[in-house]
Amino acid sequence: MDKIDEYIPVTKAKSQILNIIRDIGAYDSTLAITKNGLPQAVLISMEHYTALQETIEVLSDKNVMHQLQNSMKDLKNKKQLTDLDEL
Protein backbone atom coordinates (compact mmCIF):
# COMPACT_ATOMS: atom_id res chain seq x y z
CA MET A 1 0.00 0.00 0.00
CA ASP A 2 1.17 3.48 -0.75
CA LYS A 3 2.37 5.64 2.07
CA ILE A 4 0.79 8.89 3.14
CA ASP A 5 2.79 11.68 1.50
CA GLU A 6 1.49 14.49 3.68
CA TYR A 7 -0.71 15.17 6.68
CA ILE A 8 -2.73 18.38 6.75
CA PRO A 9 -5.15 19.74 9.36
CA VAL A 10 -8.76 20.03 8.21
CA THR A 11 -8.76 23.81 8.75
CA LYS A 12 -5.79 24.23 6.42
CA ALA A 13 -7.36 21.80 3.92
CA LYS A 14 -10.55 23.87 3.85
CA SER A 15 -8.68 27.05 3.02
CA GLN A 16 -6.46 25.41 0.38
CA ILE A 17 -8.83 22.88 -1.22
CA LEU A 18 -8.40 24.13 -4.80
CA ASN A 19 -4.61 23.94 -4.60
CA ILE A 20 -4.78 20.56 -2.88
CA ILE A 21 -6.99 19.11 -5.62
CA ARG A 22 -4.72 20.52 -8.33
CA ASP A 23 -1.62 19.06 -6.66
CA ILE A 24 -3.16 15.67 -5.83
CA GLY A 25 -3.71 14.94 -9.51
CA ALA A 26 -0.43 16.40 -10.72
CA TYR A 27 1.81 14.55 -8.26
CA ASP A 28 -0.36 11.46 -7.61
CA SER A 29 0.18 11.99 -3.91
CA THR A 30 -1.80 10.70 -0.95
CA LEU A 31 -2.90 13.23 1.62
CA ALA A 32 -4.27 12.50 5.07
CA ILE A 33 -6.58 15.12 6.52
CA THR A 34 -6.35 15.35 10.29
CA LYS A 35 -8.72 16.54 12.97
CA ASN A 36 -7.25 17.28 16.39
CA GLY A 37 -3.97 15.80 15.13
CA LEU A 38 -5.45 12.42 14.17
CA PRO A 39 -5.94 11.23 10.58
CA GLN A 40 -9.65 11.21 9.71
CA ALA A 41 -9.75 11.02 5.91
CA VAL A 42 -7.53 10.36 2.91
CA LEU A 43 -7.51 12.29 -0.33
CA ILE A 44 -6.17 10.67 -3.51
CA SER A 45 -6.45 11.39 -7.22
CA MET A 46 -9.34 9.95 -9.20
CA GLU A 47 -6.83 7.97 -11.26
CA HIS A 48 -5.38 6.41 -8.11
CA TYR A 49 -8.88 5.70 -6.76
CA THR A 50 -9.91 4.00 -10.02
CA ALA A 51 -6.78 1.85 -9.97
CA LEU A 52 -7.51 0.80 -6.38
CA GLN A 53 -11.09 -0.12 -7.30
CA GLU A 54 -9.87 -2.21 -10.25
CA THR A 55 -7.37 -3.98 -8.00
CA ILE A 56 -10.08 -4.76 -5.47
CA GLU A 57 -12.27 -6.13 -8.27
CA VAL A 58 -9.51 -8.46 -9.48
CA LEU A 59 -8.66 -9.61 -5.96
CA SER A 60 -12.35 -10.30 -5.30
CA ASP A 61 -12.74 -12.51 -8.38
CA LYS A 62 -12.06 -16.09 -7.26
CA ASN A 63 -11.63 -17.34 -10.83
CA VAL A 64 -9.06 -14.71 -11.73
CA MET A 65 -7.16 -15.28 -8.49
CA HIS A 66 -7.16 -19.05 -9.10
CA GLN A 67 -5.77 -18.50 -12.60
CA LEU A 68 -3.09 -16.16 -11.25
CA GLN A 69 -2.07 -18.67 -8.58
CA ASN A 70 -1.84 -21.44 -11.17
CA SER A 71 0.23 -19.24 -13.45
CA MET A 72 2.59 -18.38 -10.60
CA LYS A 73 3.00 -22.09 -9.82
CA ASP A 74 3.74 -22.76 -13.48
CA LEU A 75 6.35 -20.00 -13.53
CA LYS A 76 7.93 -21.32 -10.35
CA ASN A 77 8.09 -24.81 -11.86
CA LYS A 78 9.45 -23.36 -15.13
CA LYS A 79 6.50 -24.79 -17.03
CA GLN A 80 6.03 -23.54 -20.59
CA LEU A 81 3.41 -20.79 -20.61
CA THR A 82 0.91 -20.23 -23.39
CA ASP A 83 1.93 -17.66 -25.97
CA LEU A 84 -0.95 -15.21 -26.51
CA ASP A 85 -0.16 -15.13 -30.25
CA GLU A 86 -0.90 -18.85 -30.42
CA LEU A 87 -4.41 -18.47 -29.02
C-alpha atoms as a PDB file:
ATOM      1  CA  MET A   1       0.000   0.000   0.000  1.00  0.00           C
ATOM      2  CA  ASP A   2       1.171   3.476  -0.746  1.00  0.00           C
ATOM      3  CA  LYS A   3       2.371   5.636   2.068  1.00  0.00           C
ATOM      4  CA  ILE A   4       0.795   8.894   3.140  1.00  0.00           C
ATOM      5  CA  ASP A   5       2.787  11.684   1.498  1.00  0.00           C
ATOM      6  CA  GLU A   6       1.491  14.489   3.676  1.00  0.00           C
ATOM      7  CA  TYR A   7      -0.713  15.170   6.678  1.00  0.00           C
ATOM      8  CA  ILE A   8      -2.730  18.376   6.753  1.00  0.00           C
ATOM      9  CA  PRO A   9      -5.154  19.742   9.357  1.00  0.00           C
ATOM     10  CA  VAL A  10      -8.756  20.029   8.215  1.00  0.00           C
ATOM     11  CA  THR A  11      -8.762  23.809   8.749  1.00  0.00           C
ATOM     12  CA  LYS A  12      -5.787  24.227   6.421  1.00  0.00           C
ATOM     13  CA  ALA A  13      -7.358  21.805   3.921  1.00  0.00           C
ATOM     14  CA  LYS A  14     -10.553  23.869   3.847  1.00  0.00           C
ATOM     15  CA  SER A  15      -8.678  27.053   3.023  1.00  0.00           C
ATOM     16  CA  GLN A  16      -6.463  25.411   0.379  1.00  0.00           C
ATOM     17  CA  ILE A  17      -8.832  22.882  -1.216  1.00  0.00           C
ATOM     18  CA  LEU A  18      -8.402  24.133  -4.799  1.00  0.00           C
ATOM     19  CA  ASN A  19      -4.605  23.942  -4.597  1.00  0.00           C
ATOM     20  CA  ILE A  20      -4.780  20.557  -2.883  1.00  0.00           C
ATOM     21  CA  ILE A  21      -6.994  19.111  -5.625  1.00  0.00           C
ATOM     22  CA  ARG A  22      -4.718  20.515  -8.328  1.00  0.00           C
ATOM     23  CA  ASP A  23      -1.615  19.063  -6.661  1.00  0.00           C
ATOM     24  CA  ILE A  24      -3.158  15.672  -5.833  1.00  0.00           C
ATOM     25  CA  GLY A  25      -3.711  14.941  -9.506  1.00  0.00           C
ATOM     26  CA  ALA A  26      -0.429  16.403 -10.719  1.00  0.00           C
ATOM     27  CA  TYR A  27       1.807  14.554  -8.260  1.00  0.00           C
ATOM     28  CA  ASP A  28      -0.359  11.464  -7.612  1.00  0.00           C
ATOM     29  CA  SER A  29       0.175  11.993  -3.911  1.00  0.00           C
ATOM     30  CA  THR A  30      -1.803  10.697  -0.955  1.00  0.00           C
ATOM     31  CA  LEU A  31      -2.903  13.229   1.615  1.00  0.00           C
ATOM     32  CA  ALA A  32      -4.275  12.496   5.067  1.00  0.00           C
ATOM     33  CA  ILE A  33      -6.576  15.118   6.520  1.00  0.00           C
ATOM     34  CA  THR A  34      -6.350  15.352  10.290  1.00  0.00           C
ATOM     35  CA  LYS A  35      -8.724  16.543  12.971  1.00  0.00           C
ATOM     36  CA  ASN A  36      -7.253  17.281  16.387  1.00  0.00           C
ATOM     37  CA  GLY A  37      -3.975  15.799  15.131  1.00  0.00           C
ATOM     38  CA  LEU A  38      -5.454  12.419  14.171  1.00  0.00           C
ATOM     39  CA  PRO A  39      -5.941  11.235  10.577  1.00  0.00           C
ATOM     40  CA  GLN A  40      -9.654  11.209   9.709  1.00  0.00           C
ATOM     41  CA  ALA A  41      -9.745  11.021   5.913  1.00  0.00           C
ATOM     42  CA  VAL A  42      -7.535  10.359   2.914  1.00  0.00           C
ATOM     43  CA  LEU A  43      -7.513  12.294  -0.335  1.00  0.00           C
ATOM     44  CA  ILE A  44      -6.170  10.667  -3.511  1.00  0.00           C
ATOM     45  CA  SER A  45      -6.450  11.389  -7.217  1.00  0.00           C
ATOM     46  CA  MET A  46      -9.340   9.952  -9.198  1.00  0.00           C
ATOM     47  CA  GLU A  47      -6.826   7.974 -11.263  1.00  0.00           C
ATOM     48  CA  HIS A  48      -5.384   6.405  -8.112  1.00  0.00           C
ATOM     49  CA  TYR A  49      -8.882   5.699  -6.764  1.00  0.00           C
ATOM     50  CA  THR A  50      -9.912   3.997 -10.020  1.00  0.00           C
ATOM     51  CA  ALA A  51      -6.777   1.851  -9.966  1.00  0.00           C
ATOM     52  CA  LEU A  52      -7.511   0.799  -6.379  1.00  0.00           C
ATOM     53  CA  GLN A  53     -11.086  -0.124  -7.301  1.00  0.00           C
ATOM     54  CA  GLU A  54      -9.866  -2.211 -10.245  1.00  0.00           C
ATOM     55  CA  THR A  55      -7.366  -3.975  -8.002  1.00  0.00           C
ATOM     56  CA  ILE A  56     -10.082  -4.758  -5.472  1.00  0.00           C
ATOM     57  CA  GLU A  57     -12.271  -6.125  -8.266  1.00  0.00           C
ATOM     58  CA  VAL A  58      -9.505  -8.460  -9.484  1.00  0.00           C
ATOM     59  CA  LEU A  59      -8.656  -9.612  -5.955  1.00  0.00           C
ATOM     60  CA  SER A  60     -12.349 -10.301  -5.303  1.00  0.00           C
ATOM     61  CA  ASP A  61     -12.737 -12.509  -8.381  1.00  0.00           C
ATOM     62  CA  LYS A  62     -12.061 -16.088  -7.261  1.00  0.00           C
ATOM     63  CA  ASN A  63     -11.633 -17.339 -10.834  1.00  0.00           C
ATOM     64  CA  VAL A  64      -9.056 -14.707 -11.726  1.00  0.00           C
ATOM     65  CA  MET A  65      -7.156 -15.284  -8.485  1.00  0.00           C
ATOM     66  CA  HIS A  66      -7.165 -19.048  -9.097  1.00  0.00           C
ATOM     67  CA  GLN A  67      -5.772 -18.497 -12.603  1.00  0.00           C
ATOM     68  CA  LEU A  68      -3.087 -16.157 -11.253  1.00  0.00           C
ATOM     69  CA  GLN A  69      -2.072 -18.665  -8.581  1.00  0.00           C
ATOM     70  CA  ASN A  70      -1.841 -21.442 -11.165  1.00  0.00           C
ATOM     71  CA  SER A  71       0.233 -19.242 -13.454  1.00  0.00           C
ATOM     72  CA  MET A  72       2.592 -18.375 -10.597  1.00  0.00           C
ATOM     73  CA  LYS A  73       3.002 -22.092  -9.818  1.00  0.00           C
ATOM     74  CA  ASP A  74       3.741 -22.755 -13.482  1.00  0.00           C
ATOM     75  CA  LEU A  75       6.353 -20.004 -13.530  1.00  0.00           C
ATOM     76  CA  LYS A  76       7.934 -21.318 -10.352  1.00  0.00           C
ATOM     77  CA  ASN A  77       8.093 -24.809 -11.859  1.00  0.00           C
ATOM     78  CA  LYS A  78       9.446 -23.358 -15.130  1.00  0.00           C
ATOM     79  CA  LYS A  79       6.504 -24.794 -17.034  1.00  0.00           C
ATOM     80  CA  GLN A  80       6.029 -23.544 -20.586  1.00  0.00           C
ATOM     81  CA  LEU A  81       3.412 -20.794 -20.610  1.00  0.00           C
ATOM     82  CA  THR A  82       0.912 -20.234 -23.391  1.00  0.00           C
ATOM     83  CA  ASP A  83       1.927 -17.660 -25.966  1.00  0.00           C
ATOM     84  CA  LEU A  84      -0.955 -15.215 -26.507  1.00  0.00           C
ATOM     85  CA  ASP A  85      -0.162 -15.125 -30.245  1.00  0.00           C
ATOM     86  CA  GLU A  86      -0.896 -18.852 -30.416  1.00  0.00           C
ATOM     87  CA  LEU A  87      -4.411 -18.469 -29.016  1.00  0.00           C
END
